């Protein structure tokens, strides 16, 4: 990954562009002590439709991985269902992003066909059994925080006509103006979705246990797949955790 910087604890110096701050709210870390976020910053994306057959060699092992599997018995799904219960949500109705994609796959529905970027991170999500989100960085204000929702906050999900009203128990990704994703990784916002006009983006992998190795492997695969499908330039890799709750980058 050319020009890649990793695990910076302070301001990066190799760009003189727009400065972004990434952080996990203190109250979040007090409640969910093993949060670990891994991610990448990507420039010069070429977002377009792509033949789903392109991903066949990459996802060929899914049938064996999920052979005769009950969604609710998947270990990653179990972890997130417990988190959703803590947010006051009914897990049978509200599913983390990984569970949503897994359900589509196990029912025989096509989870590909959106665009090359979204198809890439959905494929990695299934292969590594991780929740992954991607956002148009140019539509995000300078500070991105994983935090509890504020009174009266809402999120308009992709494709929805009405916003979701969020309680103070809800976990959200948000910038300084708006919520980017509701209920941690349930539904992404219409305002920051990746489209054919997206040039720069940020991707997060959410982990809620103390062993982030899988997330690191997943982000490596995602970076390589984005380079193959989108001619992407991966400029920065980051991690956030209780030990390092804040990070910075410039684009």
Protein backbone atom coordinates (compact mmCIF):
# COMPACT_ATOMS: atom_id res chain seq x y z
CA UNK A 1 0.00 0.00 0.00
CA UNK A 2 1.89 2.99 -1.28
CA UNK A 3 2.28 6.06 0.95
CA UNK A 4 0.54 4.22 3.77
CA UNK A 5 0.95 5.45 7.32
CA UNK A 6 -0.28 3.38 10.25
CA UNK A 7 -1.18 3.82 13.89
CA UNK A 8 -0.29 7.50 14.11
CA UNK A 9 -1.00 8.94 17.55
CA UNK A 10 -0.75 12.56 16.42
CA UNK A 11 -1.14 14.78 13.40
CA UNK A 12 0.27 13.39 10.17
CA UNK A 13 2.76 15.53 8.27
CA UNK A 14 2.84 14.13 4.75
CA UNK A 15 -0.26 16.04 3.57
CA UNK A 16 -1.20 19.69 3.76
CA UNK A 17 -4.90 19.18 3.18
CA UNK A 18 -8.03 19.02 5.26
CA UNK A 19 -7.40 17.76 8.79
CA UNK A 20 -9.75 15.14 10.23
CA UNK A 21 -10.01 13.86 13.79
CA UNK A 22 -11.18 10.34 14.61
CA UNK A 23 -12.21 9.48 18.14
CA UNK A 24 -14.16 7.20 20.45
CA UNK A 25 -16.16 9.01 23.12
CA UNK A 26 -15.01 8.49 26.70
CA UNK A 27 -18.46 7.28 27.81
CA UNK A 28 -18.38 4.65 25.08
CA UNK A 29 -15.06 3.30 26.29
CA UNK A 30 -16.34 3.15 29.85
CA UNK A 31 -19.27 0.97 28.81
CA UNK A 32 -17.65 -1.05 26.01
CA UNK A 33 -14.08 -1.49 27.20
CA UNK A 34 -12.92 -3.76 24.37
CA UNK A 35 -13.90 -1.57 21.42
CA UNK A 36 -11.35 -1.72 18.64
CA UNK A 37 -11.83 0.12 15.35
CA UNK A 38 -9.60 -0.52 12.36
CA UNK A 39 -9.85 1.46 9.16
CA UNK A 40 -8.36 2.95 6.04
CA UNK A 41 -8.52 6.26 4.21
CA UNK A 42 -8.79 5.95 0.44
CA UNK A 43 -8.24 8.54 -2.29
CA UNK A 44 -9.01 8.70 -6.01
CA UNK A 45 -11.71 6.03 -6.04
CA UNK A 46 -13.26 5.13 -9.36
CA UNK A 47 -16.74 4.05 -8.31
CA UNK A 48 -18.71 2.17 -10.96
CA UNK A 49 -20.94 -0.81 -11.52
CA UNK A 50 -19.11 -4.10 -11.81
CA UNK A 51 -19.97 -7.61 -12.95
CA UNK A 52 -20.61 -9.65 -9.77
CA UNK A 53 -18.69 -12.53 -11.38
CA UNK A 54 -15.51 -10.56 -10.71
CA UNK A 55 -15.83 -11.50 -7.03
CA UNK A 56 -16.41 -15.22 -7.60
CA UNK A 57 -12.77 -16.30 -7.05
CA UNK A 58 -12.63 -14.15 -3.94
CA UNK A 59 -15.83 -15.42 -2.30
CA UNK A 60 -15.63 -19.02 -3.49
CA UNK A 61 -15.11 -20.28 0.06
CA UNK A 62 -18.33 -18.83 1.47
CA UNK A 63 -20.41 -21.96 0.90
CA UNK A 64 -18.05 -24.03 3.01
CA UNK A 65 -17.63 -21.29 5.63
CA UNK A 66 -21.36 -21.01 6.26
CA UNK A 67 -22.36 -24.59 5.50
CA UNK A 68 -25.56 -25.48 7.40
CA UNK A 69 -25.14 -22.51 9.70
CA UNK A 70 -27.92 -20.93 11.73
CA UNK A 71 -27.48 -17.15 11.72
CA UNK A 72 -28.23 -16.83 15.42
CA UNK A 73 -25.50 -19.37 16.28
CA UNK A 74 -22.76 -17.38 14.57
CA UNK A 75 -20.35 -16.13 17.25
CA UNK A 76 -19.97 -12.64 15.77
CA UNK A 77 -23.73 -12.30 15.44
CA UNK A 78 -24.15 -13.33 19.09
CA UNK A 79 -21.76 -10.58 20.23
CA UNK A 80 -23.58 -7.89 18.28
CA UNK A 81 -27.01 -9.08 19.36
CA UNK A 82 -25.91 -8.54 22.96
CA UNK A 83 -24.73 -5.02 22.08
CA UNK A 84 -28.02 -4.25 20.39
CA UNK A 85 -29.89 -5.42 23.49
CA UNK A 86 -27.83 -2.96 25.53
CA UNK A 87 -28.99 -0.21 23.16
CA UNK A 88 -32.58 -1.18 23.98
CA UNK A 89 -33.19 -2.77 20.58
CA UNK A 90 -34.85 -6.05 19.70
CA UNK A 91 -32.11 -8.15 18.03
CA UNK A 92 -34.59 -10.14 15.97
CA UNK A 93 -35.66 -6.88 14.28
CA UNK A 94 -32.48 -4.82 14.28
CA UNK A 95 -29.44 -6.53 12.77
CA UNK A 96 -25.82 -5.44 12.63
CA UNK A 97 -24.48 -4.96 9.11
CA UNK A 98 -22.70 -8.32 9.09
CA UNK A 99 -25.83 -10.19 10.16
CA UNK A 100 -27.89 -8.41 7.49
CA UNK A 101 -25.50 -9.45 4.72
CA UNK A 102 -25.18 -12.97 6.12
CA UNK A 103 -28.95 -13.37 6.14
CA UNK A 104 -29.16 -12.30 2.51
CA UNK A 105 -26.43 -14.73 1.55
CA UNK A 106 -27.91 -17.72 3.41
CA UNK A 107 -31.33 -17.06 1.86
CA UNK A 108 -29.78 -17.16 -1.59
CA UNK A 109 -30.23 -13.45 -2.29
CA UNK A 110 -27.52 -11.62 -4.20
CA UNK A 111 -25.54 -9.30 -1.91
CA UNK A 112 -23.53 -7.94 -4.85
CA UNK A 113 -24.47 -5.54 -7.64
CA UNK A 114 -24.45 -2.15 -5.88
CA UNK A 115 -21.08 -0.82 -7.06
CA UNK A 116 -17.47 -1.96 -6.98
CA UNK A 117 -16.74 -0.28 -3.63
CA UNK A 118 -19.77 -1.49 -1.69
CA UNK A 119 -19.52 -4.95 -3.25
CA UNK A 120 -15.89 -5.08 -2.13
CA UNK A 121 -16.51 -4.33 1.52
CA UNK A 122 -19.60 -6.54 1.66
CA UNK A 123 -17.51 -9.43 0.32
CA UNK A 124 -14.80 -8.81 2.92
CA UNK A 125 -17.45 -8.54 5.63
CA UNK A 126 -18.76 -12.01 4.83
CA UNK A 127 -15.34 -13.59 4.46
CA UNK A 128 -14.00 -12.20 7.73
CA UNK A 129 -17.31 -12.11 9.63
CA UNK A 130 -16.93 -8.45 10.54
CA UNK A 131 -19.12 -5.34 10.40
CA UNK A 132 -17.68 -2.91 7.86
CA UNK A 133 -18.90 0.56 6.94
CA UNK A 134 -17.80 2.96 4.22
CA UNK A 135 -18.54 6.68 3.80
CA UNK A 136 -17.94 9.48 1.31
CA UNK A 137 -15.22 11.45 3.07
CA UNK A 138 -15.87 14.68 1.16
CA UNK A 139 -19.38 14.83 2.64
CA UNK A 140 -18.11 14.53 6.21
CA UNK A 141 -17.10 17.39 8.47
CA UNK A 142 -13.73 17.44 10.19
CA UNK A 143 -14.43 15.28 13.25
CA UNK A 144 -15.75 11.71 13.19
CA UNK A 145 -16.73 10.24 16.54
CA UNK A 146 -18.16 6.93 17.73
CA UNK A 147 -20.44 8.07 20.55
CA UNK A 148 -23.83 7.87 22.18
CA UNK A 149 -26.61 9.74 20.42
CA UNK A 150 -27.76 13.10 21.69
CA UNK A 151 -31.34 13.96 22.61
CA UNK A 152 -33.38 14.60 19.47
CA UNK A 153 -30.83 13.26 16.98
CA UNK A 154 -32.03 11.42 13.89
CA UNK A 155 -30.53 9.52 10.98
CA UNK A 156 -31.97 9.22 7.47
CA UNK A 157 -30.99 5.71 6.30
CA UNK A 158 -30.01 5.02 2.70
CA UNK A 159 -33.13 4.77 0.56
CA UNK A 160 -35.50 5.71 3.38
CA UNK A 161 -38.13 8.45 3.23
CA UNK A 162 -38.31 9.02 6.98
CA UNK A 163 -35.46 9.45 9.50
CA UNK A 164 -34.86 7.18 12.48
CA UNK A 165 -35.27 8.88 15.85
CA UNK A 166 -32.39 7.91 18.14
CA UNK A 167 -32.49 7.45 21.90
CA UNK A 168 -29.61 8.38 24.19
CA UNK A 169 -28.74 4.67 24.52
CA UNK A 170 -28.08 4.49 20.77
CA UNK A 171 -24.51 4.28 19.53
CA UNK A 172 -23.75 6.28 16.39
CA UNK A 173 -20.96 7.34 14.10
CA UNK A 174 -21.27 11.10 13.67
CA UNK A 175 -19.41 14.14 12.45
CA UNK A 176 -19.87 17.65 13.83
CA UNK A 177 -23.19 18.15 12.03
CA UNK A 178 -24.93 14.83 11.50
CA UNK A 179 -25.17 11.12 12.22
CA UNK A 180 -23.33 8.95 9.69
CA UNK A 181 -24.65 5.58 10.86
CA UNK A 182 -27.45 4.61 13.24
CA UNK A 183 -27.19 1.98 16.01
CA UNK A 184 -23.44 1.57 15.58
CA UNK A 185 -23.58 -0.33 12.28
CA UNK A 186 -27.27 -0.84 11.54
CA UNK A 187 -28.10 1.62 8.75
CA UNK A 188 -25.79 4.13 7.03
CA UNK A 189 -26.91 7.67 6.31
CA UNK A 190 -28.24 8.71 2.92
CA UNK A 191 -26.09 11.85 3.10
CA UNK A 192 -22.70 10.13 3.21
CA UNK A 193 -23.30 7.01 1.13
CA UNK A 194 -20.77 5.99 -1.50
CA UNK A 195 -21.93 6.83 -5.03
CA UNK A 196 -20.38 7.09 -8.48
CA UNK A 197 -19.41 10.67 -7.58
CA UNK A 198 -17.36 9.58 -4.55
CA UNK A 199 -13.63 10.20 -4.85
CA UNK A 200 -12.35 9.90 -1.28
CA UNK A 201 -13.68 7.60 1.41
CA UNK A 202 -13.18 6.19 4.87
CA UNK A 203 -13.83 2.62 5.97
CA UNK A 204 -14.31 1.27 9.49
CA UNK A 205 -14.22 -2.29 10.81
CA UNK A 206 -15.96 -2.62 14.17
CA UNK A 207 -14.71 -5.06 16.79
CA UNK A 208 -16.04 -5.49 20.29
CA UNK A 209 -13.58 -7.93 21.79
CA UNK A 210 -9.97 -7.75 22.89
CA UNK A 211 -8.52 -9.68 19.94
CA UNK A 212 -8.40 -7.30 16.96
CA UNK A 213 -6.25 -9.52 14.75
CA UNK A 214 -9.19 -10.47 12.52
CA UNK A 215 -9.98 -6.83 11.91
CA UNK A 216 -6.40 -6.15 10.83
CA UNK A 217 -6.50 -9.07 8.41
CA UNK A 218 -9.85 -7.89 7.06
CA UNK A 219 -8.66 -4.32 6.48
CA UNK A 220 -5.63 -5.64 4.60
CA UNK A 221 -7.88 -7.69 2.31
CA UNK A 222 -10.21 -4.73 1.83
CA UNK A 223 -7.33 -2.44 0.87
CA UNK A 224 -6.08 -4.92 -1.72
CA UNK A 225 -9.55 -5.51 -3.13
CA UNK A 226 -10.24 -1.77 -3.45
CA UNK A 227 -6.98 -1.34 -5.33
CA UNK A 228 -7.99 -4.14 -7.70
CA UNK A 229 -11.58 -3.01 -8.30
CA UNK A 230 -11.36 0.79 -7.98
CA UNK A 231 -7.74 1.78 -8.69
CA UNK A 232 -7.81 3.19 -5.17
CA UNK A 233 -4.88 4.84 -3.43
CA UNK A 234 -4.74 3.73 0.22
CA UNK A 235 -3.13 6.65 2.02
CA UNK A 236 -3.63 5.89 5.69
CA UNK A 237 -4.49 3.03 8.03
CA UNK A 238 -5.69 3.70 11.56
CA UNK A 239 -6.71 2.01 14.78
CA UNK A 240 -8.80 3.32 17.68
CA UNK A 241 -9.18 1.66 21.08
CA UNK A 242 -9.24 2.37 24.80
CA UNK A 243 -5.46 2.80 24.73
CA UNK A 244 -5.54 5.11 21.70
CA UNK A 245 -9.01 6.71 21.48
CA UNK A 246 -8.03 9.54 19.11
CA UNK A 247 -6.28 9.68 15.76
CA UNK A 248 -5.69 12.25 13.02
CA UNK A 249 -5.20 12.31 9.28
CA UNK A 250 -5.12 14.80 6.41
CA UNK A 251 -6.55 14.47 2.91
